[in-house]
């Protein structure tokens, strides 16, 4: 009996993979700058059980964005505000997409309900525990 092998799945964008020296090299920033950005709350790398920093692909992209903004002359507080606003825009866009999908599903349900001819008699609703029944019907039009 052979063991089942699962196909290799690459790590996701939030998998903490890179040590600080690799993250610094990938972003062109000094490791001390990465530590400073962490203290300022601009980035939150993962941690190993021993306390070492591990950066994800998403962290690397965020660091590159910070570097790009600061090199364009934007101060750190401006960078923080821009990133907060971008995060809010992304969250609102996602929520808008959810609501749009929900609205479309409701519209489709209403379309289907409007095309179905109602039954001549409504079903009997019974409360079997009390031995009683409630009968609802419509008069013909």
C-alpha atoms as a PDB file:
ATOM      1  CA  UNK A   1       0.000   0.000   0.000  1.00  0.00           C
ATOM      2  CA  UNK A   2       1.566   3.267  -1.100  1.00  0.00           C
ATOM      3  CA  UNK A   3       1.173   6.503   0.800  1.00  0.00           C
ATOM      4  CA  UNK A   4      -0.848   9.169  -0.922  1.00  0.00           C
ATOM      5  CA  UNK A   5       1.230  12.092  -2.049  1.00  0.00           C
ATOM      6  CA  UNK A   6      -0.211  15.527  -2.261  1.00  0.00           C
ATOM      7  CA  UNK A   7       1.051  17.905  -4.907  1.00  0.00           C
ATOM      8  CA  UNK A   8       3.454  20.559  -3.748  1.00  0.00           C
ATOM      9  CA  UNK A   9       1.636  23.710  -2.763  1.00  0.00           C
ATOM     10  CA  UNK A  10       3.690  26.895  -2.859  1.00  0.00           C
ATOM     11  CA  UNK A  11       3.507  29.046   0.279  1.00  0.00           C
ATOM     12  CA  UNK A  12       0.898  31.773   0.315  1.00  0.00           C
ATOM     13  CA  UNK A  13       1.678  35.499   0.305  1.00  0.00           C
ATOM     14  CA  UNK A  14       1.466  35.635   4.097  1.00  0.00           C
ATOM     15  CA  UNK A  15       3.866  32.761   4.787  1.00  0.00           C
ATOM     16  CA  UNK A  16       6.748  34.124   6.870  1.00  0.00           C
ATOM     17  CA  UNK A  17       9.777  32.893   4.932  1.00  0.00           C
ATOM     18  CA  UNK A  18      12.532  35.490   4.717  1.00  0.00           C
ATOM     19  CA  UNK A  19      15.040  36.352   7.434  1.00  0.00           C
ATOM     20  CA  UNK A  20      15.792  40.037   7.931  1.00  0.00           C
ATOM     21  CA  UNK A  21      18.985  40.000   5.847  1.00  0.00           C
ATOM     22  CA  UNK A  22      17.148  38.507   2.847  1.00  0.00           C
ATOM     23  CA  UNK A  23      14.218  40.923   3.288  1.00  0.00           C
ATOM     24  CA  UNK A  24      16.679  43.822   3.393  1.00  0.00           C
ATOM     25  CA  UNK A  25      18.382  42.618   0.228  1.00  0.00           C
ATOM     26  CA  UNK A  26      15.076  42.082  -1.600  1.00  0.00           C
ATOM     27  CA  UNK A  27      13.846  45.574  -0.728  1.00  0.00           C
ATOM     28  CA  UNK A  28      17.103  47.499  -0.944  1.00  0.00           C
ATOM     29  CA  UNK A  29      16.671  48.703   2.636  1.00  0.00           C
ATOM     30  CA  UNK A  30      19.072  48.394   5.546  1.00  0.00           C
ATOM     31  CA  UNK A  31      18.095  45.806   8.206  1.00  0.00           C
ATOM     32  CA  UNK A  32      18.023  48.597  10.807  1.00  0.00           C
ATOM     33  CA  UNK A  33      15.465  50.429   8.645  1.00  0.00           C
ATOM     34  CA  UNK A  34      13.278  47.304   8.696  1.00  0.00           C
ATOM     35  CA  UNK A  35      13.520  47.222  12.493  1.00  0.00           C
ATOM     36  CA  UNK A  36      12.615  50.932  12.630  1.00  0.00           C
ATOM     37  CA  UNK A  37       9.577  50.415  10.408  1.00  0.00           C
ATOM     38  CA  UNK A  38       8.517  47.576  12.683  1.00  0.00           C
ATOM     39  CA  UNK A  39       8.840  49.794  15.798  1.00  0.00           C
ATOM     40  CA  UNK A  40       6.760  52.443  14.015  1.00  0.00           C
ATOM     41  CA  UNK A  41       4.049  49.894  13.265  1.00  0.00           C
ATOM     42  CA  UNK A  42       4.400  50.107   9.488  1.00  0.00           C
ATOM     43  CA  UNK A  43       5.252  46.415   9.207  1.00  0.00           C
ATOM     44  CA  UNK A  44       4.693  43.398  11.449  1.00  0.00           C
ATOM     45  CA  UNK A  45       6.898  40.475  10.489  1.00  0.00           C
ATOM     46  CA  UNK A  46       6.259  36.990  11.801  1.00  0.00           C
ATOM     47  CA  UNK A  47       8.422  35.589  14.560  1.00  0.00           C
ATOM     48  CA  UNK A  48      10.151  32.262  15.037  1.00  0.00           C
ATOM     49  CA  UNK A  49       9.836  30.492  18.395  1.00  0.00           C
ATOM     50  CA  UNK A  50      13.274  31.942  19.213  1.00  0.00           C
ATOM     51  CA  UNK A  51      12.113  35.482  18.402  1.00  0.00           C
ATOM     52  CA  UNK A  52      13.765  35.921  15.004  1.00  0.00           C
ATOM     53  CA  UNK A  53      11.937  38.007  12.429  1.00  0.00           C
ATOM     54  CA  UNK A  54      10.500  36.319   9.348  1.00  0.00           C
ATOM     55  CA  UNK A  55       9.096  38.379   6.488  1.00  0.00           C
ATOM     56  CA  UNK A  56       6.402  37.224   4.076  1.00  0.00           C
ATOM     57  CA  UNK A  57       6.051  38.067   0.394  1.00  0.00           C
ATOM     58  CA  UNK A  58       3.297  40.514   1.382  1.00  0.00           C
ATOM     59  CA  UNK A  59       5.698  42.139   3.894  1.00  0.00           C
ATOM     60  CA  UNK A  60       8.324  42.489   1.146  1.00  0.00           C
ATOM     61  CA  UNK A  61       5.799  44.174  -1.148  1.00  0.00           C
ATOM     62  CA  UNK A  62       4.751  46.508   1.646  1.00  0.00           C
ATOM     63  CA  UNK A  63       8.388  47.401   2.371  1.00  0.00           C
ATOM     64  CA  UNK A  64       8.949  48.117  -1.319  1.00  0.00           C
ATOM     65  CA  UNK A  65       5.914  50.391  -1.307  1.00  0.00           C
ATOM     66  CA  UNK A  66       7.211  52.244   1.764  1.00  0.00           C
ATOM     67  CA  UNK A  67      10.622  52.639   0.094  1.00  0.00           C
ATOM     68  CA  UNK A  68       9.002  53.948  -3.076  1.00  0.00           C
ATOM     69  CA  UNK A  69       6.896  56.493  -1.213  1.00  0.00           C
ATOM     70  CA  UNK A  70       9.750  57.736   0.959  1.00  0.00           C
ATOM     71  CA  UNK A  71      12.053  58.053  -2.047  1.00  0.00           C
ATOM     72  CA  UNK A  72       9.350  60.203  -3.675  1.00  0.00           C
ATOM     73  CA  UNK A  73       9.705  62.616  -0.756  1.00  0.00           C
ATOM     74  CA  UNK A  74       6.761  61.533   1.367  1.00  0.00           C
ATOM     75  CA  UNK A  75       7.391  61.534   5.106  1.00  0.00           C
ATOM     76  CA  UNK A  76       6.785  58.501   7.276  1.00  0.00           C
ATOM     77  CA  UNK A  77       3.521  59.869   8.685  1.00  0.00           C
ATOM     78  CA  UNK A  78       2.356  60.524   5.126  1.00  0.00           C
ATOM     79  CA  UNK A  79       3.333  56.961   4.201  1.00  0.00           C
ATOM     80  CA  UNK A  80       1.391  55.648   7.196  1.00  0.00           C
ATOM     81  CA  UNK A  81      -1.707  57.647   6.190  1.00  0.00           C
ATOM     82  CA  UNK A  82      -1.478  56.579   2.533  1.00  0.00           C
ATOM     83  CA  UNK A  83      -1.205  52.936   3.544  1.00  0.00           C
ATOM     84  CA  UNK A  84      -4.133  53.243   5.981  1.00  0.00           C
ATOM     85  CA  UNK A  85      -6.267  54.805   3.257  1.00  0.00           C
ATOM     86  CA  UNK A  86      -5.272  52.141   0.732  1.00  0.00           C
ATOM     87  CA  UNK A  87      -6.206  49.478   3.257  1.00  0.00           C
ATOM     88  CA  UNK A  88      -9.595  51.116   3.854  1.00  0.00           C
ATOM     89  CA  UNK A  89     -10.214  51.397   0.108  1.00  0.00           C
ATOM     90  CA  UNK A  90      -9.402  47.692  -0.329  1.00  0.00           C
ATOM     91  CA  UNK A  91     -11.740  46.730   2.533  1.00  0.00           C
ATOM     92  CA  UNK A  92     -14.545  48.922   1.194  1.00  0.00           C
ATOM     93  CA  UNK A  93     -14.057  47.547  -2.321  1.00  0.00           C
ATOM     94  CA  UNK A  94     -14.304  43.985  -1.013  1.00  0.00           C
ATOM     95  CA  UNK A  95     -17.429  44.841   1.001  1.00  0.00           C
ATOM     96  CA  UNK A  96     -18.962  46.559  -2.028  1.00  0.00           C
ATOM     97  CA  UNK A  97     -18.356  43.418  -4.099  1.00  0.00           C
ATOM     98  CA  UNK A  98     -19.995  41.274  -1.393  1.00  0.00           C
ATOM     99  CA  UNK A  99     -23.026  43.558  -1.246  1.00  0.00           C
ATOM    100  CA  UNK A 100     -23.291  43.712  -5.037  1.00  0.00           C
ATOM    101  CA  UNK A 101     -23.258  39.905  -5.239  1.00  0.00           C
ATOM    102  CA  UNK A 102     -25.861  39.675  -2.457  1.00  0.00           C
ATOM    103  CA  UNK A 103     -28.071  42.239  -4.200  1.00  0.00           C
ATOM    104  CA  UNK A 104     -27.813  40.376  -7.506  1.00  0.00           C
ATOM    105  CA  UNK A 105     -28.712  37.097  -5.778  1.00  0.00           C
ATOM    106  CA  UNK A 106     -31.756  38.758  -4.190  1.00  0.00           C
ATOM    107  CA  UNK A 107     -32.802  40.247  -7.528  1.00  0.00           C
ATOM    108  CA  UNK A 108     -32.508  36.843  -9.177  1.00  0.00           C
ATOM    109  CA  UNK A 109     -34.566  35.259  -6.396  1.00  0.00           C
ATOM    110  CA  UNK A 110     -37.212  37.948  -6.865  1.00  0.00           C
ATOM    111  CA  UNK A 111     -37.240  37.336 -10.643  1.00  0.00           C
ATOM    112  CA  UNK A 112     -37.697  33.601 -10.080  1.00  0.00           C
ATOM    113  CA  UNK A 113     -40.410  34.180  -7.480  1.00  0.00           C
ATOM    114  CA  UNK A 114     -42.285  36.516  -9.841  1.00  0.00           C
ATOM    115  CA  UNK A 115     -42.345  33.937 -12.628  1.00  0.00           C
ATOM    116  CA  UNK A 116     -43.616  31.067 -10.484  1.00  0.00           C
ATOM    117  CA  UNK A 117     -47.386  30.848 -10.374  1.00  0.00           C
ATOM    118  CA  UNK A 118     -48.559  30.700  -6.773  1.00  0.00           C
ATOM    119  CA  UNK A 119     -50.390  27.531  -5.778  1.00  0.00           C
ATOM    120  CA  UNK A 120     -54.169  27.616  -5.537  1.00  0.00           C
ATOM    121  CA  UNK A 121     -53.941  26.458  -1.942  1.00  0.00           C
ATOM    122  CA  UNK A 122     -51.202  27.164   0.523  1.00  0.00           C
ATOM    123  CA  UNK A 123     -49.768  24.249   2.485  1.00  0.00           C
ATOM    124  CA  UNK A 124     -51.214  23.189   5.796  1.00  0.00           C
ATOM    125  CA  UNK A 125     -49.074  24.140   8.746  1.00  0.00           C
ATOM    126  CA  UNK A 126     -49.532  21.654  11.554  1.00  0.00           C
ATOM    127  CA  UNK A 127     -48.357  21.652  15.135  1.00  0.00           C
ATOM    128  CA  UNK A 128     -48.332  17.921  15.693  1.00  0.00           C
ATOM    129  CA  UNK A 129     -47.381  18.182  19.361  1.00  0.00           C
ATOM    130  CA  UNK A 130     -50.645  19.969  20.190  1.00  0.00           C
ATOM    131  CA  UNK A 131     -52.719  17.885  17.806  1.00  0.00           C
ATOM    132  CA  UNK A 132     -53.894  21.016  16.044  1.00  0.00           C
ATOM    133  CA  UNK A 133     -53.593  22.281  12.498  1.00  0.00           C
ATOM    134  CA  UNK A 134     -53.720  25.697  10.952  1.00  0.00           C
ATOM    135  CA  UNK A 135     -55.070  25.802   7.424  1.00  0.00           C
ATOM    136  CA  UNK A 136     -54.388  28.825   5.235  1.00  0.00           C
ATOM    137  CA  UNK A 137     -55.981  29.307   1.818  1.00  0.00           C
ATOM    138  CA  UNK A 138     -56.598  31.930  -0.807  1.00  0.00           C
ATOM    139  CA  UNK A 139     -59.857  32.835  -2.312  1.00  0.00           C
ATOM    140  CA  UNK A 140     -60.050  32.585  -6.075  1.00  0.00           C
ATOM    141  CA  UNK A 141     -59.753  35.865  -7.898  1.00  0.00           C
END
